[in-house]
Amino acid sequence: MNSTREFWQRWAETLRRYQLDELVASFLEAGSPFTLLGAQAIYFSGGFIKNDALSALAGMLEDETETRAFAAFITRNP
C-alpha cells in the first residue's frame, strides 16, 4: 500500500472542486468516532472494490495524527 500522503493533493483538489473541503475538514477534526466508522466501512467495501486510494483513505482515517494532518492540509492549501 502506498503512503496516504501520496494521495492528499488529489483528494484535496476533488474536495475543493465540489466545495466540500471545509465540511470534510470539520468532520475530520471533530474526532475519531466518525473516522473509525468510515475506515471500517471502506475496509468492508474492499471486498467489492479494490482501489489503492480507498485503502490509503481507510488507513489515514484509522490514524488520528494523519487524519488531523490531512484536515490541516486541506484548510491550508487553497
PDB file of N, CA and C in Angstrom:
ATOM      1  N   MET A   1       0.845  -1.185   0.000  1.00  0.00           N
ATOM      2  CA  MET A   1       0.000   0.000   0.000  1.00  0.00           C
ATOM      3  C   MET A   1       0.881   1.235   0.000  1.00  0.00           C
ATOM      4  N   ASN A   2       0.488   2.219  -0.765  1.00  0.00           N
ATOM      5  CA  ASN A   2       1.224   3.473  -0.830  1.00  0.00           C
ATOM      6  C   ASN A   2       0.978   4.303   0.415  1.00  0.00           C
ATOM      7  N   SER A   3       1.881   5.243   0.644  1.00  0.00           N
ATOM      8  CA  SER A   3       1.694   6.181   1.737  1.00  0.00           C
ATOM      9  C   SER A   3       0.438   7.009   1.470  1.00  0.00           C
ATOM     10  N   THR A   4      -0.315   7.310   2.510  1.00  0.00           N
ATOM     11  CA  THR A   4      -1.545   8.091   2.315  1.00  0.00           C
ATOM     12  C   THR A   4      -1.238   9.483   1.794  1.00  0.00           C
ATOM     13  N   ARG A   5      -0.094  10.024   2.144  1.00  0.00           N
ATOM     14  CA  ARG A   5       0.227  11.397   1.736  1.00  0.00           C
ATOM     15  C   ARG A   5       0.422  11.541   0.235  1.00  0.00           C
ATOM     16  N   GLU A   6       0.655  10.443  -0.459  1.00  0.00           N
ATOM     17  CA  GLU A   6       0.764  10.492  -1.920  1.00  0.00           C
ATOM     18  C   GLU A   6      -0.565  10.893  -2.556  1.00  0.00           C
ATOM     19  N   PHE A   7      -1.659  10.634  -1.888  1.00  0.00           N
ATOM     20  CA  PHE A   7      -2.986  10.897  -2.427  1.00  0.00           C
ATOM     21  C   PHE A   7      -3.570  12.230  -1.963  1.00  0.00           C
ATOM     22  N   TRP A   8      -2.950  12.881  -0.998  1.00  0.00           N
ATOM     23  CA  TRP A   8      -3.523  14.074  -0.390  1.00  0.00           C
ATOM     24  C   TRP A   8      -3.855  15.167  -1.389  1.00  0.00           C
ATOM     25  N   GLN A   9      -2.948  15.466  -2.281  1.00  0.00           N
ATOM     26  CA  GLN A   9      -3.176  16.553  -3.228  1.00  0.00           C
ATOM     27  C   GLN A   9      -4.393  16.257  -4.107  1.00  0.00           C
ATOM     28  N   ARG A  10      -4.499  15.046  -4.591  1.00  0.00           N
ATOM     29  CA  ARG A  10      -5.637  14.663  -5.439  1.00  0.00           C
ATOM     30  C   ARG A  10      -6.944  14.726  -4.654  1.00  0.00           C
ATOM     31  N   TRP A  11      -6.917  14.215  -3.408  1.00  0.00           N
ATOM     32  CA  TRP A  11      -8.118  14.269  -2.577  1.00  0.00           C
ATOM     33  C   TRP A  11      -8.529  15.712  -2.315  1.00  0.00           C
ATOM     34  N   ALA A  12      -7.557  16.559  -1.983  1.00  0.00           N
ATOM     35  CA  ALA A  12      -7.844  17.964  -1.690  1.00  0.00           C
ATOM     36  C   ALA A  12      -8.435  18.663  -2.911  1.00  0.00           C
ATOM     37  N   GLU A  13      -7.895  18.402  -4.092  1.00  0.00           N
ATOM     38  CA  GLU A  13      -8.425  19.012  -5.318  1.00  0.00           C
ATOM     39  C   GLU A  13      -9.866  18.580  -5.568  1.00  0.00           C
ATOM     40  N   THR A  14     -10.145  17.319  -5.337  1.00  0.00           N
ATOM     41  CA  THR A  14     -11.501  16.815  -5.536  1.00  0.00           C
ATOM     42  C   THR A  14     -12.466  17.458  -4.545  1.00  0.00           C
ATOM     43  N   LEU A  15     -12.062  17.567  -3.296  1.00  0.00           N
ATOM     44  CA  LEU A  15     -12.920  18.194  -2.289  1.00  0.00           C
ATOM     45  C   LEU A  15     -13.177  19.657  -2.614  1.00  0.00           C
ATOM     46  N   ARG A  16     -12.155  20.367  -3.079  1.00  0.00           N
ATOM     47  CA  ARG A  16     -12.331  21.773  -3.448  1.00  0.00           C
ATOM     48  C   ARG A  16     -13.245  21.917  -4.665  1.00  0.00           C
ATOM     49  N   ARG A  17     -13.111  21.033  -5.619  1.00  0.00           N
ATOM     50  CA  ARG A  17     -13.941  21.084  -6.828  1.00  0.00           C
ATOM     51  C   ARG A  17     -15.418  21.017  -6.460  1.00  0.00           C
ATOM     52  N   TYR A  18     -15.745  20.185  -5.487  1.00  0.00           N
ATOM     53  CA  TYR A  18     -17.138  20.038  -5.063  1.00  0.00           C
ATOM     54  C   TYR A  18     -17.477  20.906  -3.847  1.00  0.00           C
ATOM     55  N   GLN A  19     -16.571  21.783  -3.490  1.00  0.00           N
ATOM     56  CA  GLN A  19     -16.716  22.712  -2.363  1.00  0.00           C
ATOM     57  C   GLN A  19     -17.068  21.986  -1.062  1.00  0.00           C
ATOM     58  N   LEU A  20     -16.380  20.882  -0.834  1.00  0.00           N
ATOM     59  CA  LEU A  20     -16.584  20.087   0.375  1.00  0.00           C
ATOM     60  C   LEU A  20     -15.383  20.135   1.314  1.00  0.00           C
ATOM     61  N   ASP A  21     -14.350  20.899   0.959  1.00  0.00           N
ATOM     62  CA  ASP A  21     -13.122  20.890   1.742  1.00  0.00           C
ATOM     63  C   ASP A  21     -13.333  21.346   3.181  1.00  0.00           C
ATOM     64  N   GLU A  22     -14.080  22.408   3.408  1.00  0.00           N
ATOM     65  CA  GLU A  22     -14.294  22.897   4.773  1.00  0.00           C
ATOM     66  C   GLU A  22     -15.167  21.937   5.579  1.00  0.00           C
ATOM     67  N   LEU A  23     -16.181  21.385   4.940  1.00  0.00           N
ATOM     68  CA  LEU A  23     -17.060  20.437   5.623  1.00  0.00           C
ATOM     69  C   LEU A  23     -16.297  19.181   6.034  1.00  0.00           C
ATOM     70  N   VAL A  24     -15.516  18.635   5.118  1.00  0.00           N
ATOM     71  CA  VAL A  24     -14.738  17.434   5.404  1.00  0.00           C
ATOM     72  C   VAL A  24     -13.695  17.724   6.486  1.00  0.00           C
ATOM     73  N   ALA A  25     -13.036  18.867   6.408  1.00  0.00           N
ATOM     74  CA  ALA A  25     -12.051  19.230   7.434  1.00  0.00           C
ATOM     75  C   ALA A  25     -12.713  19.297   8.806  1.00  0.00           C
ATOM     76  N   SER A  26     -13.914  19.845   8.871  1.00  0.00           N
ATOM     77  CA  SER A  26     -14.639  19.919  10.150  1.00  0.00           C
ATOM     78  C   SER A  26     -14.932  18.530  10.704  1.00  0.00           C
ATOM     79  N   PHE A  27     -15.396  17.630   9.835  1.00  0.00           N
ATOM     80  CA  PHE A  27     -15.673  16.265  10.287  1.00  0.00           C
ATOM     81  C   PHE A  27     -14.398  15.560  10.733  1.00  0.00           C
ATOM     82  N   LEU A  28     -13.315  15.751   9.994  1.00  0.00           N
ATOM     83  CA  LEU A  28     -12.053  15.095  10.358  1.00  0.00           C
ATOM     84  C   LEU A  28     -11.506  15.625  11.678  1.00  0.00           C
ATOM     85  N   GLU A  29     -11.676  16.914  11.908  1.00  0.00           N
ATOM     86  CA  GLU A  29     -11.198  17.495  13.160  1.00  0.00           C
ATOM     87  C   GLU A  29     -12.110  17.157  14.330  1.00  0.00           C
ATOM     88  N   ALA A  30     -13.369  16.814  14.041  1.00  0.00           N
ATOM     89  CA  ALA A  30     -14.344  16.531  15.093  1.00  0.00           C
ATOM     90  C   ALA A  30     -13.972  15.319  15.922  1.00  0.00           C
ATOM     91  N   GLY A  31     -13.346  14.348  15.305  1.00  0.00           N
ATOM     92  CA  GLY A  31     -12.930  13.247  16.131  1.00  0.00           C
ATOM     93  C   GLY A  31     -13.046  11.873  15.533  1.00  0.00           C
ATOM     94  N   SER A  32     -12.599  10.961  16.349  1.00  0.00           N
ATOM     95  CA  SER A  32     -12.405   9.598  15.897  1.00  0.00           C
ATOM     96  C   SER A  32     -13.659   8.750  15.708  1.00  0.00           C
ATOM     97  N   PRO A  33     -14.780   8.985  16.363  1.00  0.00           N
ATOM     98  CA  PRO A  33     -15.900   8.070  16.112  1.00  0.00           C
ATOM     99  C   PRO A  33     -16.307   8.017  14.639  1.00  0.00           C
ATOM    100  N   PHE A  34     -16.391   9.171  13.997  1.00  0.00           N
ATOM    101  CA  PHE A  34     -16.775   9.199  12.583  1.00  0.00           C
ATOM    102  C   PHE A  34     -15.689   8.617  11.701  1.00  0.00           C
ATOM    103  N   THR A  35     -14.460   8.942  12.005  1.00  0.00           N
ATOM    104  CA  THR A  35     -13.363   8.485  11.152  1.00  0.00           C
ATOM    105  C   THR A  35     -13.173   6.973  11.255  1.00  0.00           C
ATOM    106  N   LEU A  36     -13.293   6.434  12.455  1.00  0.00           N
ATOM    107  CA  LEU A  36     -13.148   4.985  12.605  1.00  0.00           C
ATOM    108  C   LEU A  36     -14.280   4.231  11.910  1.00  0.00           C
ATOM    109  N   LEU A  37     -15.486   4.764  12.006  1.00  0.00           N
ATOM    110  CA  LEU A  37     -16.607   4.133  11.301  1.00  0.00           C
ATOM    111  C   LEU A  37     -16.412   4.220   9.795  1.00  0.00           C
ATOM    112  N   GLY A  38     -15.908   5.349   9.329  1.00  0.00           N
ATOM    113  CA  GLY A  38     -15.624   5.493   7.904  1.00  0.00           C
ATOM    114  C   GLY A  38     -14.570   4.516   7.431  1.00  0.00           C
ATOM    115  N   ALA A  39     -13.514   4.364   8.222  1.00  0.00           N
ATOM    116  CA  ALA A  39     -12.451   3.419   7.869  1.00  0.00           C
ATOM    117  C   ALA A  39     -12.988   1.995   7.799  1.00  0.00           C
ATOM    118  N   GLN A  40     -13.808   1.620   8.756  1.00  0.00           N
ATOM    119  CA  GLN A  40     -14.362   0.264   8.760  1.00  0.00           C
ATOM    120  C   GLN A  40     -15.285   0.040   7.563  1.00  0.00           C
ATOM    121  N   ALA A  41     -16.053   1.061   7.198  1.00  0.00           N
ATOM    122  CA  ALA A  41     -16.933   0.945   6.030  1.00  0.00           C
ATOM    123  C   ALA A  41     -16.111   0.755   4.755  1.00  0.00           C
ATOM    124  N   ILE A  42     -15.001   1.469   4.659  1.00  0.00           N
ATOM    125  CA  ILE A  42     -14.141   1.337   3.482  1.00  0.00           C
ATOM    126  C   ILE A  42     -13.512  -0.051   3.438  1.00  0.00           C
ATOM    127  N   TYR A  43     -13.031  -0.532   4.590  1.00  0.00           N
ATOM    128  CA  TYR A  43     -12.461  -1.886   4.625  1.00  0.00           C
ATOM    129  C   TYR A  43     -13.504  -2.937   4.252  1.00  0.00           C
ATOM    130  N   PHE A  44     -14.722  -2.760   4.746  1.00  0.00           N
ATOM    131  CA  PHE A  44     -15.788  -3.705   4.428  1.00  0.00           C
ATOM    132  C   PHE A  44     -16.070  -3.724   2.931  1.00  0.00           C
ATOM    133  N   SER A  45     -16.118  -2.538   2.327  1.00  0.00           N
ATOM    134  CA  SER A  45     -16.393  -2.466   0.891  1.00  0.00           C
ATOM    135  C   SER A  45     -15.201  -2.929   0.057  1.00  0.00           C
ATOM    136  N   GLY A  46     -14.042  -3.078   0.673  1.00  0.00           N
ATOM    137  CA  GLY A  46     -12.848  -3.530  -0.033  1.00  0.00           C
ATOM    138  C   GLY A  46     -13.004  -4.901  -0.646  1.00  0.00           C
ATOM    139  N   GLY A  47     -13.929  -5.678  -0.142  1.00  0.00           N
ATOM    140  CA  GLY A  47     -14.198  -6.974  -0.735  1.00  0.00           C
ATOM    141  C   GLY A  47     -14.849  -6.862  -2.103  1.00  0.00           C
ATOM    142  N   PHE A  48     -15.486  -5.727  -2.343  1.00  0.00           N
ATOM    143  CA  PHE A  48     -16.170  -5.499  -3.614  1.00  0.00           C
ATOM    144  C   PHE A  48     -15.365  -4.614  -4.560  1.00  0.00           C
ATOM    145  N   ILE A  49     -14.635  -3.663  -3.981  1.00  0.00           N
ATOM    146  CA  ILE A  49     -13.893  -2.676  -4.780  1.00  0.00           C
ATOM    147  C   ILE A  49     -12.453  -2.648  -4.290  1.00  0.00           C
ATOM    148  N   LYS A  50     -11.511  -2.933  -5.161  1.00  0.00           N
ATOM    149  CA  LYS A  50     -10.088  -2.846  -4.815  1.00  0.00           C
ATOM    150  C   LYS A  50      -9.532  -1.569  -5.412  1.00  0.00           C
ATOM    151  N   ASN A  51      -9.011  -0.697  -4.544  1.00  0.00           N
ATOM    152  CA  ASN A  51      -8.502   0.581  -5.004  1.00  0.00           C
ATOM    153  C   ASN A  51      -7.442   1.055  -4.014  1.00  0.00           C
ATOM    154  N   ASP A  52      -6.262   1.408  -4.499  1.00  0.00           N
ATOM    155  CA  ASP A  52      -5.190   1.871  -3.614  1.00  0.00           C
ATOM    156  C   ASP A  52      -5.565   3.148  -2.880  1.00  0.00           C
ATOM    157  N   ALA A  53      -6.263   4.056  -3.566  1.00  0.00           N
ATOM    158  CA  ALA A  53      -6.648   5.320  -2.945  1.00  0.00           C
ATOM    159  C   ALA A  53      -7.626   5.079  -1.796  1.00  0.00           C
ATOM    160  N   LEU A  54      -8.565   4.148  -1.980  1.00  0.00           N
ATOM    161  CA  LEU A  54      -9.514   3.845  -0.908  1.00  0.00           C
ATOM    162  C   LEU A  54      -8.820   3.163   0.276  1.00  0.00           C
ATOM    163  N   SER A  55      -7.879   2.289  -0.016  1.00  0.00           N
ATOM    164  CA  SER A  55      -7.124   1.647   1.063  1.00  0.00           C
ATOM    165  C   SER A  55      -6.308   2.677   1.832  1.00  0.00           C
ATOM    166  N   ALA A  56      -5.731   3.625   1.108  1.00  0.00           N
ATOM    167  CA  ALA A  56      -4.959   4.689   1.757  1.00  0.00           C
ATOM    168  C   ALA A  56      -5.869   5.577   2.595  1.00  0.00           C
ATOM    169  N   LEU A  57      -7.061   5.859   2.092  1.00  0.00           N
ATOM    170  CA  LEU A  57      -8.023   6.666   2.841  1.00  0.00           C
ATOM    171  C   LEU A  57      -8.417   5.970   4.137  1.00  0.00           C
ATOM    172  N   ALA A  58      -8.686   4.685   4.069  1.00  0.00           N
ATOM    173  CA  ALA A  58      -9.047   3.931   5.270  1.00  0.00           C
ATOM    174  C   ALA A  58      -7.896   3.939   6.275  1.00  0.00           C
ATOM    175  N   GLY A  59      -6.681   3.764   5.786  1.00  0.00           N
ATOM    176  CA  GLY A  59      -5.518   3.807   6.676  1.00  0.00           C
ATOM    177  C   GLY A  59      -5.352   5.157   7.339  1.00  0.00           C
ATOM    178  N   MET A  60      -5.579   6.225   6.573  1.00  0.00           N
ATOM    179  CA  MET A  60      -5.467   7.565   7.138  1.00  0.00           C
ATOM    180  C   MET A  60      -6.538   7.793   8.200  1.00  0.00           C
ATOM    181  N   LEU A  61      -7.766   7.331   7.920  1.00  0.00           N
ATOM    182  CA  LEU A  61      -8.856   7.540   8.867  1.00  0.00           C
ATOM    183  C   LEU A  61      -8.627   6.792  10.181  1.00  0.00           C
ATOM    184  N   GLU A  62      -7.879   5.712  10.145  1.00  0.00           N
ATOM    185  CA  GLU A  62      -7.585   4.965  11.372  1.00  0.00           C
ATOM    186  C   GLU A  62      -6.535   5.653  12.233  1.00  0.00           C
ATOM    187  N   ASP A  63      -5.703   6.467  11.626  1.00  0.00           N
ATOM    188  CA  ASP A  63      -4.613   7.132  12.336  1.00  0.00           C
ATOM    189  C   ASP A  63      -5.012   8.573  12.638  1.00  0.00           C
ATOM    190  N   GLU A  64      -5.285   8.866  13.905  1.00  0.00           N
ATOM    191  CA  GLU A  64      -5.776  10.190  14.285  1.00  0.00           C
ATOM    192  C   GLU A  64      -4.790  11.302  13.930  1.00  0.00           C
ATOM    193  N   THR A  65      -3.499  11.046  14.068  1.00  0.00           N
ATOM    194  CA  THR A  65      -2.492  12.054  13.739  1.00  0.00           C
ATOM    195  C   THR A  65      -2.528  12.377  12.248  1.00  0.00           C
ATOM    196  N   GLU A  66      -2.599  11.356  11.412  1.00  0.00           N
ATOM    197  CA  GLU A  66      -2.662  11.566   9.966  1.00  0.00           C
ATOM    198  C   GLU A  66      -3.967  12.253   9.571  1.00  0.00           C
ATOM    199  N   THR A  67      -5.054  11.892  10.222  1.00  0.00           N
ATOM    200  CA  THR A  67      -6.346  12.493   9.914  1.00  0.00           C
ATOM    201  C   THR A  67      -6.315  13.986  10.198  1.00  0.00           C
ATOM    202  N   ARG A  68      -5.795  14.360  11.353  1.00  0.00           N
ATOM    203  CA  ARG A  68      -5.710  15.791  11.690  1.00  0.00           C
ATOM    204  C   ARG A  68      -4.732  16.519  10.772  1.00  0.00           C
ATOM    205  N   ALA A  69      -3.665  15.858  10.389  1.00  0.00           N
ATOM    206  CA  ALA A  69      -2.709  16.473   9.459  1.00  0.00           C
ATOM    207  C   ALA A  69      -3.355  16.715   8.096  1.00  0.00           C
ATOM    208  N   PHE A  70      -4.173  15.779   7.634  1.00  0.00           N
ATOM    209  CA  PHE A  70      -4.852  15.971   6.356  1.00  0.00           C
ATOM    210  C   PHE A  70      -5.879  17.100   6.458  1.00  0.00           C
ATOM    211  N   ALA A  71      -6.596  17.170   7.570  1.00  0.00           N
ATOM    212  CA  ALA A  71      -7.551  18.259   7.764  1.00  0.00           C
ATOM    213  C   ALA A  71      -6.838  19.608   7.704  1.00  0.00           C
ATOM    214  N   ALA A  72      -5.676  19.690   8.330  1.00  0.00           N
ATOM    215  CA  ALA A  72      -4.893  20.933   8.280  1.00  0.00           C
ATOM    216  C   ALA A  72      -4.405  21.196   6.857  1.00  0.00           C
ATOM    217  N   PHE A  73      -4.031  20.151   6.144  1.00  0.00           N
ATOM    218  CA  PHE A  73      -3.549  20.281   4.773  1.00  0.00           C
ATOM    219  C   PHE A  73      -4.611  20.865   3.855  1.00  0.00           C
ATOM    220  N   ILE A  74      -5.834  20.374   3.962  1.00  0.00           N
ATOM    221  CA  ILE A  74      -6.870  20.864   3.049  1.00  0.00           C
ATOM    222  C   ILE A  74      -7.357  22.265   3.416  1.00  0.00           C
ATOM    223  N   THR A  75      -7.187  22.668   4.646  1.00  0.00           N
ATOM    224  CA  THR A  75      -7.593  24.047   5.004  1.00  0.00           C
ATOM    225  C   THR A  75      -6.478  25.043   4.730  1.00  0.00           C
ATOM    226  N   ARG A  76      -5.230  24.611   4.735  1.00  0.00           N
ATOM    227  CA  ARG A  76      -4.086  25.499   4.491  1.00  0.00           C
ATOM    228  C   ARG A  76      -3.766  25.698   3.026  1.00  0.00           C
ATOM    229  N   ASN A  77      -4.003  24.690   2.208  1.00  0.00           N
ATOM    230  CA  ASN A  77      -3.584  24.730   0.798  1.00  0.00           C
ATOM    231  C   ASN A  77      -4.778  25.001  -0.116  1.00  0.00           C
ATOM    232  N   PRO A  78      -4.975  26.267  -0.483  1.00  0.00           N
ATOM    233  CA  PRO A  78      -6.119  26.589  -1.356  1.00  0.00           C
ATOM    234  C   PRO A  78      -5.896  26.144  -2.792  1.00  0.00           C
TER     235      PRO A  78
END
